[in-house]
Amino acid sequence: MVSAETKSVIDRAKSIYGDKLQTILESQHMHRFVAIEPESGDYFLGDSFDEAVKSARTKYPSRLSYTIRIGHRTAFHI
């Protein structure tokens, strides 16, 4: 089960992606990863999931971010 805090982070980050980032990132960075820190609105690109997350955690070590693969519905396909 996802905590209320985590759900809030996910919802806000998805909104930022859809409203502000999707068009730009999908035209220039398809298939890369983006970690979105919703309190600041900052985002961090990476060629791997780990790279994007590490960049976000370096700048905001105590905040949660939400990471997706650009142009995909989820970060990973199983």
PDB file of N, CA and C in Angstrom:
ATOM      1  N   MET A   1       0.839  -1.183   0.000  1.00  0.00           N
ATOM      2  CA  MET A   1       0.000   0.000   0.000  1.00  0.00           C
ATOM      3  C   MET A   1       0.883   1.245   0.000  1.00  0.00           C
ATOM      4  N   VAL A   2       0.489   2.225  -0.730  1.00  0.00           N
ATOM      5  CA  VAL A   2       1.237   3.466  -0.859  1.00  0.00           C
ATOM      6  C   VAL A   2       0.754   4.446   0.208  1.00  0.00           C
ATOM      7  N   SER A   3       1.701   5.090   0.882  1.00  0.00           N
ATOM      8  CA  SER A   3       1.334   6.061   1.917  1.00  0.00           C
ATOM      9  C   SER A   3       0.706   7.302   1.278  1.00  0.00           C
ATOM     10  N   ALA A   4       0.017   8.078   2.085  1.00  0.00           N
ATOM     11  CA  ALA A   4      -0.604   9.307   1.609  1.00  0.00           C
ATOM     12  C   ALA A   4       0.464  10.286   1.100  1.00  0.00           C
ATOM     13  N   GLU A   5       1.598  10.337   1.788  1.00  0.00           N
ATOM     14  CA  GLU A   5       2.681  11.229   1.356  1.00  0.00           C
ATOM     15  C   GLU A   5       3.215  10.816  -0.011  1.00  0.00           C
ATOM     16  N   THR A   6       3.434   9.526  -0.192  1.00  0.00           N
ATOM     17  CA  THR A   6       3.950   9.032  -1.472  1.00  0.00           C
ATOM     18  C   THR A   6       2.937   9.270  -2.579  1.00  0.00           C
ATOM     19  N   LYS A   7       1.666   9.020  -2.317  1.00  0.00           N
ATOM     20  CA  LYS A   7       0.616   9.261  -3.315  1.00  0.00           C
ATOM     21  C   LYS A   7       0.580  10.727  -3.704  1.00  0.00           C
ATOM     22  N   SER A   8       0.746  11.622  -2.744  1.00  0.00           N
ATOM     23  CA  SER A   8       0.764  13.050  -3.034  1.00  0.00           C
ATOM     24  C   SER A   8       1.933  13.417  -3.941  1.00  0.00           C
ATOM     25  N   VAL A   9       3.106  12.857  -3.658  1.00  0.00           N
ATOM     26  CA  VAL A   9       4.290  13.102  -4.492  1.00  0.00           C
ATOM     27  C   VAL A   9       4.024  12.617  -5.918  1.00  0.00           C
ATOM     28  N   ILE A  10       3.494  11.418  -6.051  1.00  0.00           N
ATOM     29  CA  ILE A  10       3.204  10.852  -7.371  1.00  0.00           C
ATOM     30  C   ILE A  10       2.222  11.733  -8.133  1.00  0.00           C
ATOM     31  N   ASP A  11       1.132  12.098  -7.490  1.00  0.00           N
ATOM     32  CA  ASP A  11       0.097  12.894  -8.150  1.00  0.00           C
ATOM     33  C   ASP A  11       0.629  14.259  -8.585  1.00  0.00           C
ATOM     34  N   ARG A  12       1.372  14.922  -7.715  1.00  0.00           N
ATOM     35  CA  ARG A  12       1.911  16.249  -8.059  1.00  0.00           C
ATOM     36  C   ARG A  12       2.954  16.149  -9.168  1.00  0.00           C
ATOM     37  N   ALA A  13       3.808  15.132  -9.110  1.00  0.00           N
ATOM     38  CA  ALA A  13       4.840  14.966 -10.136  1.00  0.00           C
ATOM     39  C   ALA A  13       4.208  14.638 -11.495  1.00  0.00           C
ATOM     40  N   LYS A  14       3.191  13.784 -11.500  1.00  0.00           N
ATOM     41  CA  LYS A  14       2.507  13.470 -12.755  1.00  0.00           C
ATOM     42  C   LYS A  14       1.853  14.716 -13.352  1.00  0.00           C
ATOM     43  N   SER A  15       1.313  15.546 -12.500  1.00  0.00           N
ATOM     44  CA  SER A  15       0.700  16.789 -12.962  1.00  0.00           C
ATOM     45  C   SER A  15       1.749  17.715 -13.580  1.00  0.00           C
ATOM     46  N   ILE A  16       2.889  17.849 -12.924  1.00  0.00           N
ATOM     47  CA  ILE A  16       3.979  18.676 -13.461  1.00  0.00           C
ATOM     48  C   ILE A  16       4.429  18.124 -14.809  1.00  0.00           C
ATOM     49  N   TYR A  17       4.584  16.814 -14.895  1.00  0.00           N
ATOM     50  CA  TYR A  17       5.008  16.195 -16.151  1.00  0.00           C
ATOM     51  C   TYR A  17       3.999  16.494 -17.262  1.00  0.00           C
ATOM     52  N   GLY A  18       2.732  16.242 -16.992  1.00  0.00           N
ATOM     53  CA  GLY A  18       1.694  16.434 -18.007  1.00  0.00           C
ATOM     54  C   GLY A  18       1.492  17.881 -18.410  1.00  0.00           C
ATOM     55  N   ASP A  19       1.562  18.782 -17.442  1.00  0.00           N
ATOM     56  CA  ASP A  19       1.284  20.198 -17.698  1.00  0.00           C
ATOM     57  C   ASP A  19       2.480  20.965 -18.257  1.00  0.00           C
ATOM     58  N   LYS A  20       3.690  20.610 -17.836  1.00  0.00           N
ATOM     59  CA  LYS A  20       4.846  21.446 -18.159  1.00  0.00           C
ATOM     60  C   LYS A  20       5.967  20.746 -18.915  1.00  0.00           C
ATOM     61  N   LEU A  21       6.149  19.455 -18.694  1.00  0.00           N
ATOM     62  CA  LEU A  21       7.362  18.806 -19.185  1.00  0.00           C
ATOM     63  C   LEU A  21       7.159  17.840 -20.352  1.00  0.00           C
ATOM     64  N   GLN A  22       6.019  17.236 -20.459  1.00  0.00           N
ATOM     65  CA  GLN A  22       5.814  16.143 -21.398  1.00  0.00           C
ATOM     66  C   GLN A  22       6.178  16.512 -22.838  1.00  0.00           C
ATOM     67  N   THR A  23       5.650  17.597 -23.333  1.00  0.00           N
ATOM     68  CA  THR A  23       5.903  17.982 -24.723  1.00  0.00           C
ATOM     69  C   THR A  23       7.381  18.232 -24.975  1.00  0.00           C
ATOM     70  N   ILE A  24       8.021  18.946 -24.074  1.00  0.00           N
ATOM     71  CA  ILE A  24       9.442  19.269 -24.234  1.00  0.00           C
ATOM     72  C   ILE A  24      10.293  18.007 -24.139  1.00  0.00           C
ATOM     73  N   LEU A  25      10.090  17.229 -23.094  1.00  0.00           N
ATOM     74  CA  LEU A  25      10.938  16.063 -22.869  1.00  0.00           C
ATOM     75  C   LEU A  25      10.721  14.968 -23.907  1.00  0.00           C
ATOM     76  N   GLU A  26       9.487  14.756 -24.329  1.00  0.00           N
ATOM     77  CA  GLU A  26       9.236  13.701 -25.309  1.00  0.00           C
ATOM     78  C   GLU A  26       9.767  14.055 -26.689  1.00  0.00           C
ATOM     79  N   SER A  27       9.952  15.333 -26.977  1.00  0.00           N
ATOM     80  CA  SER A  27      10.499  15.714 -28.275  1.00  0.00           C
ATOM     81  C   SER A  27      12.030  15.684 -28.287  1.00  0.00           C
ATOM     82  N   GLN A  28      12.641  15.757 -27.103  1.00  0.00           N
ATOM     83  CA  GLN A  28      14.100  15.862 -27.054  1.00  0.00           C
ATOM     84  C   GLN A  28      14.798  14.734 -26.292  1.00  0.00           C
ATOM     85  N   HIS A  29      14.079  14.013 -25.440  1.00  0.00           N
ATOM     86  CA  HIS A  29      14.734  13.043 -24.548  1.00  0.00           C
ATOM     87  C   HIS A  29      13.980  11.707 -24.461  1.00  0.00           C
ATOM     88  N   MET A  30      13.351  11.296 -25.548  1.00  0.00           N
ATOM     89  CA  MET A  30      12.553  10.071 -25.549  1.00  0.00           C
ATOM     90  C   MET A  30      13.371   8.885 -25.041  1.00  0.00           C
ATOM     91  N   HIS A  31      12.772   8.092 -24.190  1.00  0.00           N
ATOM     92  CA  HIS A  31      13.301   6.844 -23.617  1.00  0.00           C
ATOM     93  C   HIS A  31      14.321   7.059 -22.495  1.00  0.00           C
ATOM     94  N   ARG A  32      14.675   8.296 -22.167  1.00  0.00           N
ATOM     95  CA  ARG A  32      15.526   8.545 -21.004  1.00  0.00           C
ATOM     96  C   ARG A  32      14.624   8.538 -19.764  1.00  0.00           C
ATOM     97  N   PHE A  33      15.205   8.724 -18.607  1.00  0.00           N
ATOM     98  CA  PHE A  33      14.455   8.763 -17.355  1.00  0.00           C
ATOM     99  C   PHE A  33      14.441  10.183 -16.807  1.00  0.00           C
ATOM    100  N   VAL A  34      13.358  10.540 -16.131  1.00  0.00           N
ATOM    101  CA  VAL A  34      13.265  11.837 -15.476  1.00  0.00           C
ATOM    102  C   VAL A  34      12.728  11.627 -14.061  1.00  0.00           C
ATOM    103  N   ALA A  35      13.441  12.194 -13.094  1.00  0.00           N
ATOM    104  CA  ALA A  35      12.986  12.219 -11.700  1.00  0.00           C
ATOM    105  C   ALA A  35      12.450  13.622 -11.438  1.00  0.00           C
ATOM    106  N   ILE A  36      11.231  13.703 -10.960  1.00  0.00           N
ATOM    107  CA  ILE A  36      10.579  14.992 -10.709  1.00  0.00           C
ATOM    108  C   ILE A  36      10.405  15.163  -9.214  1.00  0.00           C
ATOM    109  N   GLU A  37      10.921  16.272  -8.690  1.00  0.00           N
ATOM    110  CA  GLU A  37      10.773  16.625  -7.279  1.00  0.00           C
ATOM    111  C   GLU A  37       9.650  17.663  -7.228  1.00  0.00           C
ATOM    112  N   PRO A  38       8.459  17.288  -6.781  1.00  0.00           N
ATOM    113  CA  PRO A  38       7.293  18.145  -6.949  1.00  0.00           C
ATOM    114  C   PRO A  38       7.238  19.405  -6.087  1.00  0.00           C
ATOM    115  N   GLU A  39       7.920  19.444  -4.961  1.00  0.00           N
ATOM    116  CA  GLU A  39       7.877  20.669  -4.150  1.00  0.00           C
ATOM    117  C   GLU A  39       8.518  21.835  -4.881  1.00  0.00           C
ATOM    118  N   SER A  40       9.649  21.588  -5.522  1.00  0.00           N
ATOM    119  CA  SER A  40      10.370  22.639  -6.238  1.00  0.00           C
ATOM    120  C   SER A  40       9.959  22.708  -7.703  1.00  0.00           C
ATOM    121  N   GLY A  41       9.497  21.582  -8.240  1.00  0.00           N
ATOM    122  CA  GLY A  41       9.228  21.492  -9.667  1.00  0.00           C
ATOM    123  C   GLY A  41      10.472  21.149 -10.471  1.00  0.00           C
ATOM    124  N   ASP A  42      11.603  20.971  -9.787  1.00  0.00           N
ATOM    125  CA  ASP A  42      12.844  20.613 -10.468  1.00  0.00           C
ATOM    126  C   ASP A  42      12.753  19.196 -11.007  1.00  0.00           C
ATOM    127  N   TYR A  43      13.456  18.978 -12.115  1.00  0.00           N
ATOM    128  CA  TYR A  43      13.506  17.631 -12.680  1.00  0.00           C
ATOM    129  C   TYR A  43      14.933  17.299 -13.070  1.00  0.00           C
ATOM    130  N   PHE A  44      15.217  15.996 -13.110  1.00  0.00           N
ATOM    131  CA  PHE A  44      16.575  15.506 -13.290  1.00  0.00           C
ATOM    132  C   PHE A  44      16.558  14.381 -14.320  1.00  0.00           C
ATOM    133  N   LEU A  45      17.290  14.578 -15.405  1.00  0.00           N
ATOM    134  CA  LEU A  45      17.342  13.600 -16.478  1.00  0.00           C
ATOM    135  C   LEU A  45      18.480  12.619 -16.262  1.00  0.00           C
ATOM    136  N   GLY A  46      18.290  11.412 -16.759  1.00  0.00           N
ATOM    137  CA  GLY A  46      19.346  10.404 -16.709  1.00  0.00           C
ATOM    138  C   GLY A  46      19.145   9.375 -17.804  1.00  0.00           C
ATOM    139  N   ASP A  47      20.239   8.768 -18.210  1.00  0.00           N
ATOM    140  CA  ASP A  47      20.149   7.682 -19.185  1.00  0.00           C
ATOM    141  C   ASP A  47      19.700   6.387 -18.522  1.00  0.00           C
ATOM    142  N   SER A  48      19.753   6.349 -17.197  1.00  0.00           N
ATOM    143  CA  SER A  48      19.264   5.199 -16.439  1.00  0.00           C
ATOM    144  C   SER A  48      18.385   5.702 -15.296  1.00  0.00           C
ATOM    145  N   PHE A  49      17.591   4.801 -14.755  1.00  0.00           N
ATOM    146  CA  PHE A  49      16.751   5.123 -13.608  1.00  0.00           C
ATOM    147  C   PHE A  49      17.631   5.624 -12.455  1.00  0.00           C
ATOM    148  N   ASP A  50      18.694   4.875 -12.175  1.00  0.00           N
ATOM    149  CA  ASP A  50      19.588   5.233 -11.066  1.00  0.00           C
ATOM    150  C   ASP A  50      20.203   6.613 -11.239  1.00  0.00           C
ATOM    151  N   GLU A  51      20.611   6.941 -12.440  1.00  0.00           N
ATOM    152  CA  GLU A  51      21.232   8.242 -12.693  1.00  0.00           C
ATOM    153  C   GLU A  51      20.260   9.389 -12.390  1.00  0.00           C
ATOM    154  N   ALA A  52      19.020   9.267 -12.830  1.00  0.00           N
ATOM    155  CA  ALA A  52      18.023  10.310 -12.577  1.00  0.00           C
ATOM    156  C   ALA A  52      17.728  10.436 -11.081  1.00  0.00           C
ATOM    157  N   VAL A  53      17.555   9.299 -10.403  1.00  0.00           N
ATOM    158  CA  VAL A  53      17.256   9.305  -8.966  1.00  0.00           C
ATOM    159  C   VAL A  53      18.425   9.876  -8.163  1.00  0.00           C
ATOM    160  N   LYS A  54      19.639   9.474  -8.490  1.00  0.00           N
ATOM    161  CA  LYS A  54      20.809   9.980  -7.769  1.00  0.00           C
ATOM    162  C   LYS A  54      20.950  11.481  -7.908  1.00  0.00           C
ATOM    163  N   SER A  55      20.660  12.016  -9.076  1.00  0.00           N
ATOM    164  CA  SER A  55      20.730  13.461  -9.279  1.00  0.00           C
ATOM    165  C   SER A  55      19.703  14.183  -8.399  1.00  0.00           C
ATOM    166  N   ALA A  56      18.492  13.640  -8.344  1.00  0.00           N
ATOM    167  CA  ALA A  56      17.454  14.246  -7.507  1.00  0.00           C
ATOM    168  C   ALA A  56      17.830  14.175  -6.031  1.00  0.00           C
ATOM    169  N   ARG A  57      18.351  13.031  -5.591  1.00  0.00           N
ATOM    170  CA  ARG A  57      18.709  12.849  -4.176  1.00  0.00           C
ATOM    171  C   ARG A  57      19.919  13.690  -3.773  1.00  0.00           C
ATOM    172  N   THR A  58      20.799  13.948  -4.726  1.00  0.00           N
ATOM    173  CA  THR A  58      21.953  14.803  -4.439  1.00  0.00           C
ATOM    174  C   THR A  58      21.494  16.213  -4.092  1.00  0.00           C
ATOM    175  N   LYS A  59      20.556  16.740  -4.874  1.00  0.00           N
ATOM    176  CA  LYS A  59      20.073  18.102  -4.622  1.00  0.00           C
ATOM    177  C   LYS A  59      19.072  18.159  -3.472  1.00  0.00           C
ATOM    178  N   TYR A  60      18.219  17.149  -3.364  1.00  0.00           N
ATOM    179  CA  TYR A  60      17.168  17.126  -2.342  1.00  0.00           C
ATOM    180  C   TYR A  60      17.213  15.803  -1.579  1.00  0.00           C
ATOM    181  N   PRO A  61      18.189  15.624  -0.702  1.00  0.00           N
ATOM    182  CA  PRO A  61      18.362  14.328  -0.039  1.00  0.00           C
ATOM    183  C   PRO A  61      17.209  13.910   0.875  1.00  0.00           C
ATOM    184  N   SER A  62      16.445  14.838   1.360  1.00  0.00           N
ATOM    185  CA  SER A  62      15.372  14.466   2.289  1.00  0.00           C
ATOM    186  C   SER A  62      13.981  14.519   1.645  1.00  0.00           C
ATOM    187  N   ARG A  63      13.918  14.734   0.341  1.00  0.00           N
ATOM    188  CA  ARG A  63      12.622  14.817  -0.345  1.00  0.00           C
ATOM    189  C   ARG A  63      12.410  13.612  -1.253  1.00  0.00           C
ATOM    190  N   LEU A  64      11.155  13.259  -1.434  1.00  0.00           N
ATOM    191  CA  LEU A  64      10.792  12.195  -2.361  1.00  0.00           C
ATOM    192  C   LEU A  64      10.660  12.773  -3.771  1.00  0.00           C
ATOM    193  N   SER A  65      11.028  11.980  -4.745  1.00  0.00           N
ATOM    194  CA  SER A  65      10.806  12.352  -6.137  1.00  0.00           C
ATOM    195  C   SER A  65      10.090  11.188  -6.820  1.00  0.00           C
ATOM    196  N   TYR A  66       9.580  11.448  -7.998  1.00  0.00           N
ATOM    197  CA  TYR A  66       8.883  10.436  -8.784  1.00  0.00           C
ATOM    198  C   TYR A  66       9.614  10.305 -10.108  1.00  0.00           C
ATOM    199  N   THR A  67       9.950   9.087 -10.490  1.00  0.00           N
ATOM    200  CA  THR A  67      10.752   8.862 -11.683  1.00  0.00           C
ATOM    201  C   THR A  67       9.971   8.054 -12.712  1.00  0.00           C
ATOM    202  N   ILE A  68      10.025   8.537 -13.957  1.00  0.00           N
ATOM    203  CA  ILE A  68       9.377   7.824 -15.055  1.00  0.00           C
ATOM    204  C   ILE A  68      10.338   7.727 -16.232  1.00  0.00           C
ATOM    205  N   ARG A  69      10.004   6.857 -17.159  1.00  0.00           N
ATOM    206  CA  ARG A  69      10.738   6.782 -18.414  1.00  0.00           C
ATOM    207  C   ARG A  69       9.975   7.632 -19.424  1.00  0.00           C
ATOM    208  N   ILE A  70      10.673   8.561 -20.023  1.00  0.00           N
ATOM    209  CA  ILE A  70      10.037   9.530 -20.916  1.00  0.00           C
ATOM    210  C   ILE A  70       9.454   8.813 -22.133  1.00  0.00           C
ATOM    211  N   GLY A  71       8.170   9.072 -22.370  1.00  0.00           N
ATOM    212  CA  GLY A  71       7.468   8.473 -23.485  1.00  0.00           C
ATOM    213  C   GLY A  71       6.840   7.130 -23.176  1.00  0.00           C
ATOM    214  N   HIS A  72       6.907   6.701 -21.923  1.00  0.00           N
ATOM    215  CA  HIS A  72       6.346   5.423 -21.499  1.00  0.00           C
ATOM    216  C   HIS A  72       5.366   5.660 -20.346  1.00  0.00           C
ATOM    217  N   ARG A  73       4.465   4.722 -20.156  1.00  0.00           N
ATOM    218  CA  ARG A  73       3.510   4.853 -19.046  1.00  0.00           C
ATOM    219  C   ARG A  73       4.122   4.530 -17.703  1.00  0.00           C
ATOM    220  N   THR A  74       5.177   3.724 -17.702  1.00  0.00           N
ATOM    221  CA  THR A  74       5.843   3.332 -16.465  1.00  0.00           C
ATOM    222  C   THR A  74       7.350   3.425 -16.653  1.00  0.00           C
ATOM    223  N   ALA A  75       8.096   3.379 -15.561  1.00  0.00           N
ATOM    224  CA  ALA A  75       9.549   3.408 -15.653  1.00  0.00           C
ATOM    225  C   ALA A  75      10.113   2.096 -16.187  1.00  0.00           C
ATOM    226  N   PHE A  76       9.447   0.980 -15.854  1.00  0.00           N
ATOM    227  CA  PHE A  76       9.917  -0.340 -16.266  1.00  0.00           C
ATOM    228  C   PHE A  76       8.789  -1.169 -16.827  1.00  0.00           C
ATOM    229  N   HIS A  77       9.114  -2.004 -17.790  1.00  0.00           N
ATOM    230  CA  HIS A  77       8.169  -2.962 -18.352  1.00  0.00           C
ATOM    231  C   HIS A  77       8.642  -4.352 -17.939  1.00  0.00           C
ATOM    232  N   ILE A  78       7.725  -5.132 -17.413  1.00  0.00           N
ATOM    233  CA  ILE A  78       8.077  -6.478 -16.970  1.00  0.00           C
ATOM    234  C   ILE A  78       7.429  -7.494 -17.889  1.00  0.00           C
TER     235      ILE A  78
END
